[in-house]
Amino acid sequence: MYTTERRWSVPMIDLTASSSAVQAAILVGTVLLEAVVLYVGYGALERVATPVIDRVKHA
C-alpha cells in the first residue's frame, strides 16, 4: 500500500565525540545566541507595547 505521508527527520549532531573544549565552546555560543535573541525580542516587544499601554492608561 502506497502512502503519501512524509516523515521528516531532524539530523542530530553527536557532540559526545567532540572534545570537552569544543563542547564548552558550543554551550557558551548557544547561551550567548539565546541571550541575543531574547534581548532583541524583548526590545521589540517593549517598543510595540509601550505606546499601547500608554494609550490605555490615558484613555
C-alpha atoms as a PDB file:
ATOM      1  CA  MET A   1       0.000   0.000   0.000  1.00  0.00           C
ATOM      2  CA  TYR A   2       1.357   3.391  -1.031  1.00  0.00           C
ATOM      3  CA  THR A   3       1.018   6.311   1.379  1.00  0.00           C
ATOM      4  CA  THR A   4       1.628   9.993   0.713  1.00  0.00           C
ATOM      5  CA  GLU A   5       2.606  10.667   4.298  1.00  0.00           C
ATOM      6  CA  ARG A   6       6.036  12.227   4.561  1.00  0.00           C
ATOM      7  CA  ARG A   7       8.252  11.680   7.513  1.00  0.00           C
ATOM      8  CA  TRP A   8      10.808  14.352   8.205  1.00  0.00           C
ATOM      9  CA  SER A   9      13.747  13.690  10.425  1.00  0.00           C
ATOM     10  CA  VAL A  10      15.922  16.256  12.098  1.00  0.00           C
ATOM     11  CA  PRO A  11      19.610  15.489  11.777  1.00  0.00           C
ATOM     12  CA  MET A  12      21.215  15.122  15.178  1.00  0.00           C
ATOM     13  CA  ILE A  13      24.757  16.226  15.892  1.00  0.00           C
ATOM     14  CA  ASP A  14      26.766  13.859  18.016  1.00  0.00           C
ATOM     15  CA  LEU A  15      28.578  16.200  20.374  1.00  0.00           C
ATOM     16  CA  THR A  16      29.859  13.440  22.625  1.00  0.00           C
ATOM     17  CA  ALA A  17      32.541  12.642  20.061  1.00  0.00           C
ATOM     18  CA  SER A  18      33.940  16.176  20.393  1.00  0.00           C
ATOM     19  CA  SER A  19      36.472  17.243  22.984  1.00  0.00           C
ATOM     20  CA  SER A  20      35.473  18.956  26.205  1.00  0.00           C
ATOM     21  CA  ALA A  21      36.737  22.304  24.928  1.00  0.00           C
ATOM     22  CA  VAL A  22      34.578  22.052  21.793  1.00  0.00           C
ATOM     23  CA  GLN A  23      31.528  21.068  23.852  1.00  0.00           C
ATOM     24  CA  ALA A  24      32.111  24.031  26.197  1.00  0.00           C
ATOM     25  CA  ALA A  25      32.501  26.435  23.277  1.00  0.00           C
ATOM     26  CA  ILE A  26      29.268  25.173  21.697  1.00  0.00           C
ATOM     27  CA  LEU A  27      27.428  25.564  25.003  1.00  0.00           C
ATOM     28  CA  VAL A  28      28.729  29.106  25.536  1.00  0.00           C
ATOM     29  CA  GLY A  29      27.876  30.032  21.948  1.00  0.00           C
ATOM     30  CA  THR A  30      24.372  28.625  22.318  1.00  0.00           C
ATOM     31  CA  VAL A  31      23.766  30.550  25.553  1.00  0.00           C
ATOM     32  CA  LEU A  32      25.074  33.781  24.010  1.00  0.00           C
ATOM     33  CA  LEU A  33      22.896  33.318  20.931  1.00  0.00           C
ATOM     34  CA  GLU A  34      19.861  32.735  23.134  1.00  0.00           C
ATOM     35  CA  ALA A  35      20.673  35.876  25.136  1.00  0.00           C
ATOM     36  CA  VAL A  36      20.921  37.987  21.981  1.00  0.00           C
ATOM     37  CA  VAL A  37      17.637  36.608  20.622  1.00  0.00           C
ATOM     38  CA  LEU A  38      15.852  37.327  23.914  1.00  0.00           C
ATOM     39  CA  TYR A  39      17.374  40.825  24.121  1.00  0.00           C
ATOM     40  CA  VAL A  40      16.217  41.711  20.627  1.00  0.00           C
ATOM     41  CA  GLY A  41      12.818  40.093  21.150  1.00  0.00           C
ATOM     42  CA  TYR A  42      12.103  41.881  24.413  1.00  0.00           C
ATOM     43  CA  GLY A  43      13.317  45.165  22.918  1.00  0.00           C
ATOM     44  CA  ALA A  44      10.888  44.793  20.023  1.00  0.00           C
ATOM     45  CA  LEU A  45       8.080  43.840  22.411  1.00  0.00           C
ATOM     46  CA  GLU A  46       8.793  46.878  24.562  1.00  0.00           C
ATOM     47  CA  ARG A  47       8.804  49.160  21.526  1.00  0.00           C
ATOM     48  CA  VAL A  48       5.412  47.849  20.417  1.00  0.00           C
ATOM     49  CA  ALA A  49       3.775  47.500  23.826  1.00  0.00           C
ATOM     50  CA  THR A  50       4.771  50.835  25.406  1.00  0.00           C
ATOM     51  CA  PRO A  51       2.583  53.069  23.181  1.00  0.00           C
ATOM     52  CA  VAL A  52      -0.346  50.673  23.612  1.00  0.00           C
ATOM     53  CA  ILE A  53      -0.009  50.681  27.402  1.00  0.00           C
ATOM     54  CA  ASP A  54       0.301  54.488  27.487  1.00  0.00           C
ATOM     55  CA  ARG A  55      -2.803  54.797  25.309  1.00  0.00           C
ATOM     56  CA  VAL A  56      -4.762  52.513  27.650  1.00  0.00           C
ATOM     57  CA  LYS A  57      -3.548  54.367  30.742  1.00  0.00           C
ATOM     58  CA  HIS A  58      -4.575  57.774  29.407  1.00  0.00           C
ATOM     59  CA  ALA A  59      -7.908  56.669  27.953  1.00  0.00           C
END
